[in-house]
PDB file of all heavy atoms in Angstrom:
ATOM      1  N   GLN A   1     -43.853  92.844-145.861  1.00  0.00           N
ATOM      2  CA  GLN A   1     -44.199  92.096-144.657  1.00  0.00           C
ATOM      3  C   GLN A   1     -45.001  90.843-144.991  1.00  0.00           C
ATOM      4  O   GLN A   1     -45.730  90.800-145.996  1.00  0.00           O
ATOM      5  CB  GLN A   1     -45.035  92.972-143.723  1.00  0.00           C
ATOM      6  CG  GLN A   1     -44.242  94.101-143.099  1.00  0.00           C
ATOM      7  CD  GLN A   1     -45.115  94.995-142.232  1.00  0.00           C
ATOM      8  OE1 GLN A   1     -46.332  94.897-142.211  1.00  0.00           O
ATOM      9  NE2 GLN A   1     -44.480  95.873-141.500  1.00  0.00           N
ATOM     10  N   LEU A   2     -44.909  89.859-144.140  1.00  0.00           N
ATOM     11  CA  LEU A   2     -45.674  88.645-144.287  1.00  0.00           C
ATOM     12  C   LEU A   2     -47.135  88.951-143.988  1.00  0.00           C
ATOM     13  O   LEU A   2     -47.454  89.718-143.078  1.00  0.00           O
ATOM     14  CB  LEU A   2     -45.208  87.554-143.323  1.00  0.00           C
ATOM     15  CG  LEU A   2     -43.922  86.847-143.710  1.00  0.00           C
ATOM     16  CD1 LEU A   2     -43.496  85.908-142.595  1.00  0.00           C
ATOM     17  CD2 LEU A   2     -44.121  86.050-145.005  1.00  0.00           C
ATOM     18  N   ARG A   3     -48.026  88.311-144.720  1.00  0.00           N
ATOM     19  CA  ARG A   3     -49.472  88.467-144.466  1.00  0.00           C
ATOM     20  C   ARG A   3     -49.910  87.533-143.369  1.00  0.00           C
ATOM     21  O   ARG A   3     -49.469  86.401-143.286  1.00  0.00           O
ATOM     22  CB  ARG A   3     -50.276  88.141-145.718  1.00  0.00           C
ATOM     23  CG  ARG A   3     -50.205  89.173-146.780  1.00  0.00           C
ATOM     24  CD  ARG A   3     -50.799  88.724-148.095  1.00  0.00           C
ATOM     25  NE  ARG A   3     -52.171  88.329-147.985  1.00  0.00           N
ATOM     26  CZ  ARG A   3     -52.843  87.757-148.991  1.00  0.00           C
ATOM     27  NH1 ARG A   3     -52.232  87.481-150.129  1.00  0.00           N
ATOM     28  NH2 ARG A   3     -54.102  87.433-148.857  1.00  0.00           N
ATOM     29  N   LYS A   4     -50.749  88.068-142.498  1.00  0.00           N
ATOM     30  CA  LYS A   4     -51.330  87.254-141.442  1.00  0.00           C
ATOM     31  C   LYS A   4     -52.850  87.263-141.637  1.00  0.00           C
ATOM     32  O   LYS A   4     -53.451  88.327-141.602  1.00  0.00           O
ATOM     33  CB  LYS A   4     -50.944  87.764-140.065  1.00  0.00           C
ATOM     34  CG  LYS A   4     -49.454  87.647-139.789  1.00  0.00           C
ATOM     35  CD  LYS A   4     -49.072  88.215-138.458  1.00  0.00           C
ATOM     36  CE  LYS A   4     -47.554  88.159-138.301  1.00  0.00           C
ATOM     37  NZ  LYS A   4     -47.078  88.858-137.133  1.00  0.00           N
ATOM     38  N   GLU A   5     -53.410  86.111-141.842  1.00  0.00           N
ATOM     39  CA  GLU A   5     -54.841  85.997-142.087  1.00  0.00           C
ATOM     40  C   GLU A   5     -55.434  84.847-141.295  1.00  0.00           C
ATOM     41  O   GLU A   5     -54.733  83.876-140.967  1.00  0.00           O
ATOM     42  CB  GLU A   5     -55.109  85.747-143.585  1.00  0.00           C
ATOM     43  CG  GLU A   5     -54.612  86.806-144.489  1.00  0.00           C
ATOM     44  CD  GLU A   5     -54.780  86.425-145.942  1.00  0.00           C
ATOM     45  OE1 GLU A   5     -54.544  85.282-146.323  1.00  0.00           O
ATOM     46  OE2 GLU A   5     -55.157  87.323-146.719  1.00  0.00           O
ATOM     47  N   ALA A   6     -56.718  84.923-141.105  1.00  0.00           N
ATOM     48  CA  ALA A   6     -57.423  83.823-140.452  1.00  0.00           C
ATOM     49  C   ALA A   6     -57.493  82.650-141.447  1.00  0.00           C
ATOM     50  O   ALA A   6     -57.432  82.837-142.660  1.00  0.00           O
ATOM     51  CB  ALA A   6     -58.839  84.263-140.078  1.00  0.00           C
ATOM     52  N   ASP A   7     -57.600  81.440-140.919  1.00  0.00           N
ATOM     53  CA  ASP A   7     -57.613  80.259-141.746  1.00  0.00           C
ATOM     54  C   ASP A   7     -58.955  79.986-142.408  1.00  0.00           C
ATOM     55  O   ASP A   7     -59.057  79.119-143.297  1.00  0.00           O
ATOM     56  CB  ASP A   7     -57.232  79.005-140.932  1.00  0.00           C
ATOM     57  CG  ASP A   7     -55.768  79.036-140.549  1.00  0.00           C
ATOM     58  OD1 ASP A   7     -54.961  79.680-141.271  1.00  0.00           O
ATOM     59  OD2 ASP A   7     -55.427  78.400-139.530  1.00  0.00           O
ATOM     60  N   ASP A   8     -60.002  80.706-142.005  1.00  0.00           N
ATOM     61  CA  ASP A   8     -61.324  80.424-142.533  1.00  0.00           C
ATOM     62  C   ASP A   8     -61.813  81.412-143.619  1.00  0.00           C
ATOM     63  O   ASP A   8     -63.003  81.504-143.896  1.00  0.00           O
ATOM     64  CB  ASP A   8     -62.341  80.379-141.374  1.00  0.00           C
ATOM     65  CG  ASP A   8     -62.405  81.700-140.613  1.00  0.00           C
ATOM     66  OD1 ASP A   8     -61.559  82.551-140.836  1.00  0.00           O
ATOM     67  OD2 ASP A   8     -63.344  81.842-139.784  1.00  0.00           O
ATOM     68  N   LEU A   9     -60.877  82.115-144.233  1.00  0.00           N
ATOM     69  CA  LEU A   9     -61.237  83.084-145.286  1.00  0.00           C
ATOM     70  C   LEU A   9     -61.311  82.370-146.632  1.00  0.00           C
ATOM     71  O   LEU A   9     -60.560  81.495-146.924  1.00  0.00           O
ATOM     72  CB  LEU A   9     -60.196  84.202-145.324  1.00  0.00           C
ATOM     73  CG  LEU A   9     -60.002  84.999-144.022  1.00  0.00           C
ATOM     74  CD1 LEU A   9     -58.866  85.985-144.188  1.00  0.00           C
ATOM     75  CD2 LEU A   9     -61.299  85.709-143.651  1.00  0.00           C
ATOM     76  N   GLY A  10     -62.246  82.859-147.476  1.00  0.00           N
ATOM     77  CA  GLY A  10     -62.379  82.279-148.794  1.00  0.00           C
ATOM     78  C   GLY A  10     -61.549  82.958-149.842  1.00  0.00           C
ATOM     79  O   GLY A  10     -60.829  83.936-149.557  1.00  0.00           O
ATOM     80  N   PRO A  11     -61.626  82.494-151.104  1.00  0.00           N
ATOM     81  CA  PRO A  11     -60.805  83.041-152.188  1.00  0.00           C
ATOM     82  C   PRO A  11     -61.125  84.491-152.568  1.00  0.00           C
ATOM     83  O   PRO A  11     -60.284  85.183-153.133  1.00  0.00           O
ATOM     84  CB  PRO A  11     -61.065  82.088-153.341  1.00  0.00           C
ATOM     85  CG  PRO A  11     -62.294  81.334-152.994  1.00  0.00           C
ATOM     86  CD  PRO A  11     -62.408  81.359-151.534  1.00  0.00           C
ATOM     87  N   ARG A  12     -62.328  84.969-152.267  1.00  0.00           N
ATOM     88  CA  ARG A  12     -62.662  86.371-152.557  1.00  0.00           C
ATOM     89  C   ARG A  12     -61.748  87.324-151.770  1.00  0.00           C
ATOM     90  O   ARG A  12     -61.419  88.409-152.234  1.00  0.00           O
ATOM     91  CB  ARG A  12     -64.107  86.665-152.217  1.00  0.00           C
ATOM     92  CG  ARG A  12     -65.065  86.184-153.246  1.00  0.00           C
ATOM     93  CD  ARG A  12     -66.483  86.593-152.971  1.00  0.00           C
ATOM     94  NE  ARG A  12     -67.358  86.047-153.968  1.00  0.00           N
ATOM     95  CZ  ARG A  12     -68.629  85.785-153.760  1.00  0.00           C
ATOM     96  NH1 ARG A  12     -69.176  86.030-152.599  1.00  0.00           N
ATOM     97  NH2 ARG A  12     -69.366  85.265-154.719  1.00  0.00           N
ATOM     98  N   VAL A  13     -61.356  86.901-150.586  1.00  0.00           N
ATOM     99  CA  VAL A  13     -60.479  87.715-149.758  1.00  0.00           C
ATOM    100  C   VAL A  13     -59.144  87.913-150.444  1.00  0.00           C
ATOM    101  O   VAL A  13     -58.545  88.999-150.378  1.00  0.00           O
ATOM    102  CB  VAL A  13     -60.278  87.057-148.367  1.00  0.00           C
ATOM    103  CG1 VAL A  13     -59.202  87.753-147.548  1.00  0.00           C
ATOM    104  CG2 VAL A  13     -61.590  87.027-147.604  1.00  0.00           C
ATOM    105  N   GLU A  14     -58.667  86.878-151.137  1.00  0.00           N
ATOM    106  CA  GLU A  14     -57.411  86.996-151.870  1.00  0.00           C
ATOM    107  C   GLU A  14     -57.519  88.065-152.995  1.00  0.00           C
ATOM    108  O   GLU A  14     -56.621  88.879-153.164  1.00  0.00           O
ATOM    109  CB  GLU A  14     -57.016  85.636-152.462  1.00  0.00           C
ATOM    110  CG  GLU A  14     -55.682  85.574-153.074  1.00  0.00           C
ATOM    111  CD  GLU A  14     -54.527  85.587-152.077  1.00  0.00           C
ATOM    112  OE1 GLU A  14     -54.747  85.593-150.851  1.00  0.00           O
ATOM    113  OE2 GLU A  14     -53.368  85.607-152.543  1.00  0.00           O
ATOM    114  N   LEU A  15     -58.612  87.991-153.721  1.00  0.00           N
ATOM    115  CA  LEU A  15     -58.817  88.989-154.792  1.00  0.00           C
ATOM    116  C   LEU A  15     -58.927  90.398-154.212  1.00  0.00           C
ATOM    117  O   LEU A  15     -58.321  91.333-154.715  1.00  0.00           O
ATOM    118  CB  LEU A  15     -60.094  88.617-155.615  1.00  0.00           C
ATOM    119  CG  LEU A  15     -60.463  89.604-156.701  1.00  0.00           C
ATOM    120  CD1 LEU A  15     -59.354  89.782-157.734  1.00  0.00           C
ATOM    121  CD2 LEU A  15     -61.755  89.148-157.370  1.00  0.00           C
ATOM    122  N   ASP A  16     -59.678  90.532-153.118  1.00  0.00           N
ATOM    123  CA  ASP A  16     -59.818  91.840-152.490  1.00  0.00           C
ATOM    124  C   ASP A  16     -58.481  92.401-152.013  1.00  0.00           C
ATOM    125  O   ASP A  16     -58.178  93.587-152.152  1.00  0.00           O
ATOM    126  CB  ASP A  16     -60.796  91.791-151.302  1.00  0.00           C
ATOM    127  CG  ASP A  16     -62.240  91.571-151.761  1.00  0.00           C
ATOM    128  OD1 ASP A  16     -62.523  91.821-152.942  1.00  0.00           O
ATOM    129  OD2 ASP A  16     -63.037  91.146-150.917  1.00  0.00           O
ATOM    130  N   TYR A  17     -57.641  91.527-151.462  1.00  0.00           N
ATOM    131  CA  TYR A  17     -56.320  91.931-150.990  1.00  0.00           C
ATOM    132  C   TYR A  17     -55.486  92.507-152.141  1.00  0.00           C
ATOM    133  O   TYR A  17     -54.896  93.574-152.015  1.00  0.00           O
ATOM    134  CB  TYR A  17     -55.609  90.718-150.368  1.00  0.00           C
ATOM    135  CG  TYR A  17     -54.137  90.956-150.071  1.00  0.00           C
ATOM    136  CD1 TYR A  17     -53.736  91.640-148.916  1.00  0.00           C
ATOM    137  CD2 TYR A  17     -53.145  90.527-150.953  1.00  0.00           C
ATOM    138  CE1 TYR A  17     -52.410  91.870-148.659  1.00  0.00           C
ATOM    139  CE2 TYR A  17     -51.823  90.755-150.698  1.00  0.00           C
ATOM    140  CZ  TYR A  17     -51.445  91.430-149.564  1.00  0.00           C
ATOM    141  OH  TYR A  17     -50.120  91.665-149.305  1.00  0.00           O
ATOM    142  N   TRP A  18     -55.477  91.793-153.258  1.00  0.00           N
ATOM    143  CA  TRP A  18     -54.653  92.252-154.394  1.00  0.00           C
ATOM    144  C   TRP A  18     -55.262  93.472-155.079  1.00  0.00           C
ATOM    145  O   TRP A  18     -54.534  94.330-155.619  1.00  0.00           O
ATOM    146  CB  TRP A  18     -54.416  91.119-155.385  1.00  0.00           C
ATOM    147  CG  TRP A  18     -53.438  90.139-154.840  1.00  0.00           C
ATOM    148  CD1 TRP A  18     -53.676  88.910-154.307  1.00  0.00           C
ATOM    149  CD2 TRP A  18     -52.019  90.345-154.691  1.00  0.00           C
ATOM    150  NE1 TRP A  18     -52.507  88.341-153.856  1.00  0.00           N
ATOM    151  CE2 TRP A  18     -51.489  89.179-154.091  1.00  0.00           C
ATOM    152  CE3 TRP A  18     -51.164  91.408-155.007  1.00  0.00           C
ATOM    153  CZ2 TRP A  18     -50.120  89.086-153.812  1.00  0.00           C
ATOM    154  CZ3 TRP A  18     -49.823  91.264-154.730  1.00  0.00           C
ATOM    155  CH2 TRP A  18     -49.299  90.139-154.149  1.00  0.00           C
ATOM    156  N   LYS A  19     -56.596  93.609-155.034  1.00  0.00           N
ATOM    157  CA  LYS A  19     -57.214  94.805-155.605  1.00  0.00           C
ATOM    158  C   LYS A  19     -56.839  96.035-154.774  1.00  0.00           C
ATOM    159  O   LYS A  19     -56.551  97.111-155.342  1.00  0.00           O
ATOM    160  CB  LYS A  19     -58.742  94.662-155.653  1.00  0.00           C
ATOM    161  CG  LYS A  19     -59.188  93.767-156.796  1.00  0.00           C
ATOM    162  CD  LYS A  19     -60.650  93.408-156.838  1.00  0.00           C
ATOM    163  CE  LYS A  19     -61.664  94.296-156.234  1.00  0.00           C
ATOM    164  NZ  LYS A  19     -63.041  93.809-156.358  1.00  0.00           N
ATOM    165  N   LYS A  20     -56.832  95.910-153.462  1.00  0.00           N
ATOM    166  CA  LYS A  20     -56.419  97.029-152.607  1.00  0.00           C
ATOM    167  C   LYS A  20     -54.961  97.399-152.848  1.00  0.00           C
ATOM    168  O   LYS A  20     -54.580  98.573-152.925  1.00  0.00           O
ATOM    169  CB  LYS A  20     -56.636  96.699-151.127  1.00  0.00           C
ATOM    170  CG  LYS A  20     -58.084  96.698-150.735  1.00  0.00           C
ATOM    171  CD  LYS A  20     -58.258  96.259-149.273  1.00  0.00           C
ATOM    172  CE  LYS A  20     -59.711  96.061-148.960  1.00  0.00           C
ATOM    173  NZ  LYS A  20     -59.932  95.412-147.684  1.00  0.00           N
ATOM    174  N   LYS A  21     -54.117  96.377-152.972  1.00  0.00           N
ATOM    175  CA  LYS A  21     -52.714  96.604-153.247  1.00  0.00           C
ATOM    176  C   LYS A  21     -52.510  97.299-154.594  1.00  0.00           C
ATOM    177  O   LYS A  21     -51.716  98.206-154.716  1.00  0.00           O
ATOM    178  CB  LYS A  21     -51.989  95.236-153.245  1.00  0.00           C
ATOM    179  CG  LYS A  21     -50.608  95.260-152.675  1.00  0.00           C
ATOM    180  CD  LYS A  21     -50.106  93.847-152.545  1.00  0.00           C
ATOM    181  CE  LYS A  21     -48.870  93.914-151.718  1.00  0.00           C
ATOM    182  NZ  LYS A  21     -48.225  92.652-151.511  1.00  0.00           N
ATOM    183  N   LEU A  22     -53.251  96.847-155.588  1.00  0.00           N
ATOM    184  CA  LEU A  22     -53.169  97.468-156.926  1.00  0.00           C
ATOM    185  C   LEU A  22     -53.579  98.919-156.863  1.00  0.00           C
ATOM    186  O   LEU A  22     -52.902  99.778-157.457  1.00  0.00           O
ATOM    187  CB  LEU A  22     -54.070  96.685-157.903  1.00  0.00           C
ATOM    188  CG  LEU A  22     -54.105  97.237-159.331  1.00  0.00           C
ATOM    189  CD1 LEU A  22     -52.741  97.264-159.983  1.00  0.00           C
ATOM    190  CD2 LEU A  22     -55.091  96.443-160.168  1.00  0.00           C
ATOM    191  N   SER A  23     -54.610  99.230-156.116  1.00  0.00           N
ATOM    192  CA  SER A  23     -55.079 100.598-155.970  1.00  0.00           C
ATOM    193  C   SER A  23     -53.986 101.473-155.354  1.00  0.00           C
ATOM    194  O   SER A  23     -53.707 102.588-155.824  1.00  0.00           O
ATOM    195  CB  SER A  23     -56.311 100.616-155.116  1.00  0.00           C
ATOM    196  OG  SER A  23     -56.750 101.920-154.893  1.00  0.00           O
ATOM    197  N   LYS A  24     -53.333 100.984-154.312  1.00  0.00           N
ATOM    198  CA  LYS A  24     -52.258 101.745-153.634  1.00  0.00           C
ATOM    199  C   LYS A  24     -51.119 102.042-154.608  1.00  0.00           C
ATOM    200  O   LYS A  24     -50.604 103.151-154.654  1.00  0.00           O
ATOM    201  CB  LYS A  24     -51.713 100.975-152.428  1.00  0.00           C
ATOM    202  CG  LYS A  24     -52.535 101.012-151.204  1.00  0.00           C
ATOM    203  CD  LYS A  24     -51.856 100.221-150.112  1.00  0.00           C
ATOM    204  CE  LYS A  24     -52.736 100.117-148.888  1.00  0.00           C
ATOM    205  NZ  LYS A  24     -52.100  99.333-147.810  1.00  0.00           N
ATOM    206  N   PHE A  25     -50.699 100.981-155.304  1.00  0.00           N
ATOM    207  CA  PHE A  25     -49.531 101.161-156.168  1.00  0.00           C
ATOM    208  C   PHE A  25     -49.836 101.940-157.421  1.00  0.00           C
ATOM    209  O   PHE A  25     -48.998 102.662-157.949  1.00  0.00           O
ATOM    210  CB  PHE A  25     -48.866  99.802-156.470  1.00  0.00           C
ATOM    211  CG  PHE A  25     -48.050  99.326-155.315  1.00  0.00           C
ATOM    212  CD1 PHE A  25     -48.490  98.306-154.497  1.00  0.00           C
ATOM    213  CD2 PHE A  25     -46.842  99.931-155.017  1.00  0.00           C
ATOM    214  CE1 PHE A  25     -47.730  97.874-153.416  1.00  0.00           C
ATOM    215  CE2 PHE A  25     -46.058  99.506-153.931  1.00  0.00           C
ATOM    216  CZ  PHE A  25     -46.531  98.477-153.134  1.00  0.00           C
ATOM    217  N   CYS A  26     -51.065 101.851-157.928  1.00  0.00           N
ATOM    218  CA  CYS A  26     -51.466 102.700-159.060  1.00  0.00           C
ATOM    219  C   CYS A  26     -51.454 104.169-158.652  1.00  0.00           C
ATOM    220  O   CYS A  26     -51.007 105.028-159.415  1.00  0.00           O
ATOM    221  CB  CYS A  26     -52.804 102.293-159.598  1.00  0.00           C
ATOM    222  SG  CYS A  26     -52.760 100.814-160.635  1.00  0.00           S
ATOM    223  N   TYR A  27     -51.939 104.443-157.447  1.00  0.00           N
ATOM    224  CA  TYR A  27     -51.893 105.814-156.934  1.00  0.00           C
ATOM    225  C   TYR A  27     -50.453 106.304-156.842  1.00  0.00           C
ATOM    226  O   TYR A  27     -50.137 107.444-157.224  1.00  0.00           O
ATOM    227  CB  TYR A  27     -52.588 105.899-155.580  1.00  0.00           C
ATOM    228  CG  TYR A  27     -52.515 107.276-154.959  1.00  0.00           C
ATOM    229  CD1 TYR A  27     -53.313 108.288-155.451  1.00  0.00           C
ATOM    230  CD2 TYR A  27     -51.641 107.545-153.927  1.00  0.00           C
ATOM    231  CE1 TYR A  27     -53.240 109.575-154.903  1.00  0.00           C
ATOM    232  CE2 TYR A  27     -51.552 108.808-153.381  1.00  0.00           C
ATOM    233  CZ  TYR A  27     -52.355 109.811-153.859  1.00  0.00           C
ATOM    234  OH  TYR A  27     -52.267 111.071-153.324  1.00  0.00           O
ATOM    235  N   LEU A  28     -49.588 105.481-156.296  1.00  0.00           N
ATOM    236  CA  LEU A  28     -48.153 105.847-156.223  1.00  0.00           C
ATOM    237  C   LEU A  28     -47.570 106.093-157.597  1.00  0.00           C
ATOM    238  O   LEU A  28     -46.802 107.039-157.788  1.00  0.00           O
ATOM    239  CB  LEU A  28     -47.360 104.746-155.511  1.00  0.00           C
ATOM    240  CG  LEU A  28     -47.287 104.798-154.016  1.00  0.00           C
ATOM    241  CD1 LEU A  28     -46.496 103.593-153.503  1.00  0.00           C
ATOM    242  CD2 LEU A  28     -46.640 106.051-153.515  1.00  0.00           C
ATOM    243  N   MET A  29     -47.893 105.244-158.552  1.00  0.00           N
ATOM    244  CA  MET A  29     -47.380 105.415-159.900  1.00  0.00           C
ATOM    245  C   MET A  29     -47.855 106.733-160.526  1.00  0.00           C
ATOM    246  O   MET A  29     -47.088 107.402-161.201  1.00  0.00           O
ATOM    247  CB  MET A  29     -47.814 104.245-160.805  1.00  0.00           C
ATOM    248  CG  MET A  29     -47.292 102.897-160.379  1.00  0.00           C
ATOM    249  SD  MET A  29     -45.513 102.676-160.646  1.00  0.00           S
ATOM    250  CE  MET A  29     -45.487 102.577-162.404  1.00  0.00           C
ATOM    251  N   GLU A  30     -49.099 107.088-160.245  1.00  0.00           N
ATOM    252  CA  GLU A  30     -49.626 108.402-160.729  1.00  0.00           C
ATOM    253  C   GLU A  30     -48.840 109.524-160.109  1.00  0.00           C
ATOM    254  O   GLU A  30     -48.485 110.513-160.770  1.00  0.00           O
ATOM    255  CB  GLU A  30     -51.100 108.547-160.344  1.00  0.00           C
ATOM    256  CG  GLU A  30     -52.057 107.838-161.236  1.00  0.00           C
ATOM    257  CD  GLU A  30     -53.513 108.020-160.782  1.00  0.00           C
ATOM    258  OE1 GLU A  30     -53.834 109.128-160.271  1.00  0.00           O
ATOM    259  OE2 GLU A  30     -54.277 107.041-160.908  1.00  0.00           O
ATOM    260  N   GLN A  31     -48.561 109.432-158.830  1.00  0.00           N
ATOM    261  CA  GLN A  31     -47.787 110.465-158.146  1.00  0.00           C
ATOM    262  C   GLN A  31     -46.380 110.587-158.715  1.00  0.00           C
ATOM    263  O   GLN A  31     -45.844 111.692-158.843  1.00  0.00           O
ATOM    264  CB  GLN A  31     -47.719 110.192-156.632  1.00  0.00           C
ATOM    265  CG  GLN A  31     -49.061 110.238-155.950  1.00  0.00           C
ATOM    266  CD  GLN A  31     -49.786 111.548-156.135  1.00  0.00           C
ATOM    267  OE1 GLN A  31     -49.217 112.587-155.917  1.00  0.00           O
ATOM    268  NE2 GLN A  31     -51.017 111.487-156.613  1.00  0.00           N
ATOM    269  N   LEU A  32     -45.774 109.482-159.044  1.00  0.00           N
ATOM    270  CA  LEU A  32     -44.413 109.481-159.604  1.00  0.00           C
ATOM    271  C   LEU A  32     -44.352 110.183-160.959  1.00  0.00           C
ATOM    272  O   LEU A  32     -43.321 110.683-161.346  1.00  0.00           O
ATOM    273  CB  LEU A  32     -43.877 108.060-159.741  1.00  0.00           C
ATOM    274  CG  LEU A  32     -43.589 107.340-158.432  1.00  0.00           C
ATOM    275  CD1 LEU A  32     -43.184 105.901-158.727  1.00  0.00           C
ATOM    276  CD2 LEU A  32     -42.491 108.028-157.640  1.00  0.00           C
ATOM    277  N   LYS A  33     -45.478 110.229-161.647  1.00  0.00           N
ATOM    278  CA  LYS A  33     -45.541 110.866-162.970  1.00  0.00           C
ATOM    279  C   LYS A  33     -45.985 112.327-162.903  1.00  0.00           C
ATOM    280  O   LYS A  33     -46.077 112.978-163.930  1.00  0.00           O
ATOM    281  CB  LYS A  33     -46.486 110.068-163.880  1.00  0.00           C
ATOM    282  CG  LYS A  33     -46.001 108.665-164.177  1.00  0.00           C
ATOM    283  CD  LYS A  33     -47.012 107.888-164.967  1.00  0.00           C
ATOM    284  CE  LYS A  33     -46.571 106.443-165.173  1.00  0.00           C
ATOM    285  NZ  LYS A  33     -47.592 105.617-165.764  1.00  0.00           N
ATOM    286  N   SER A  34     -46.229 112.818-161.707  1.00  0.00           N
ATOM    287  CA  SER A  34     -46.738 114.172-161.557  1.00  0.00           C
ATOM    288  C   SER A  34     -45.650 115.211-161.917  1.00  0.00           C
ATOM    289  O   SER A  34     -44.464 114.939-161.795  1.00  0.00           O
ATOM    290  CB  SER A  34     -47.222 114.423-160.117  1.00  0.00           C
ATOM    291  OG  SER A  34     -46.125 114.521-159.251  1.00  0.00           O
ATOM    292  N   PRO A  35     -46.077 116.402-162.337  1.00  0.00           N
ATOM    293  CA  PRO A  35     -45.116 117.455-162.688  1.00  0.00           C
ATOM    294  C   PRO A  35     -44.183 117.837-161.506  1.00  0.00           C
ATOM    295  O   PRO A  35     -42.999 118.132-161.742  1.00  0.00           O
ATOM    296  CB  PRO A  35     -45.997 118.648-163.061  1.00  0.00           C
ATOM    297  CG  PRO A  35     -47.297 118.047-163.448  1.00  0.00           C
ATOM    298  CD  PRO A  35     -47.445 116.797-162.618  1.00  0.00           C
ATOM    299  N   ASP A  36     -44.720 117.828-160.298  1.00  0.00           N
ATOM    300  CA  ASP A  36     -43.888 118.164-159.140  1.00  0.00           C
ATOM    301  C   ASP A  36     -42.740 117.159-158.967  1.00  0.00           C
ATOM    302  O   ASP A  36     -41.590 117.566-158.707  1.00  0.00           O
ATOM    303  CB  ASP A  36     -44.728 118.182-157.858  1.00  0.00           C
ATOM    304  CG  ASP A  36     -45.712 119.362-157.820  1.00  0.00           C
ATOM    305  OD1 ASP A  36     -45.521 120.311-158.605  1.00  0.00           O
ATOM    306  OD2 ASP A  36     -46.656 119.298-157.033  1.00  0.00           O
ATOM    307  N   VAL A  37     -43.035 115.889-159.091  1.00  0.00           N
ATOM    308  CA  VAL A  37     -42.002 114.864-158.930  1.00  0.00           C
ATOM    309  C   VAL A  37     -40.991 114.973-160.067  1.00  0.00           C
ATOM    310  O   VAL A  37     -39.790 114.881-159.852  1.00  0.00           O
ATOM    311  CB  VAL A  37     -42.619 113.460-158.853  1.00  0.00           C
ATOM    312  CG1 VAL A  37     -41.567 112.371-158.920  1.00  0.00           C
ATOM    313  CG2 VAL A  37     -43.449 113.300-157.576  1.00  0.00           C
ATOM    314  N   LYS A  38     -41.487 115.209-161.291  1.00  0.00           N
ATOM    315  CA  LYS A  38     -40.580 115.348-162.409  1.00  0.00           C
ATOM    316  C   LYS A  38     -39.635 116.560-162.225  1.00  0.00           C
ATOM    317  O   LYS A  38     -38.470 116.494-162.593  1.00  0.00           O
ATOM    318  CB  LYS A  38     -41.350 115.476-163.708  1.00  0.00           C
ATOM    319  CG  LYS A  38     -41.961 114.136-164.138  1.00  0.00           C
ATOM    320  CD  LYS A  38     -42.659 114.239-165.458  1.00  0.00           C
ATOM    321  CE  LYS A  38     -43.217 112.870-165.827  1.00  0.00           C
ATOM    322  NZ  LYS A  38     -43.862 112.867-167.125  1.00  0.00           N
ATOM    323  N   ALA A  39     -40.182 117.638-161.652  1.00  0.00           N
ATOM    324  CA  ALA A  39     -39.342 118.814-161.386  1.00  0.00           C
ATOM    325  C   ALA A  39     -38.256 118.514-160.370  1.00  0.00           C
ATOM    326  O   ALA A  39     -37.102 118.902-160.550  1.00  0.00           O
ATOM    327  CB  ALA A  39     -40.234 119.966-160.908  1.00  0.00           C
ATOM    328  N   VAL A  40     -38.629 117.816-159.311  1.00  0.00           N
ATOM    329  CA  VAL A  40     -37.659 117.457-158.282  1.00  0.00           C
ATOM    330  C   VAL A  40     -36.567 116.550-158.885  1.00  0.00           C
ATOM    331  O   VAL A  40     -35.373 116.723-158.638  1.00  0.00           O
ATOM    332  CB  VAL A  40     -38.337 116.777-157.074  1.00  0.00           C
ATOM    333  CG1 VAL A  40     -37.313 116.139-156.142  1.00  0.00           C
ATOM    334  CG2 VAL A  40     -39.229 117.764-156.332  1.00  0.00           C
TER     335      VAL A  40
END
């Protein structure tokens, strides 16, 4: 999805956005490597 943000946000917001995204996808990657997923 397209990001919708206010125009008055600074560059720290950009870093925070990508850190949250990284956290989500790292969690998903961990789940994909789990024994249950490998069994399925």
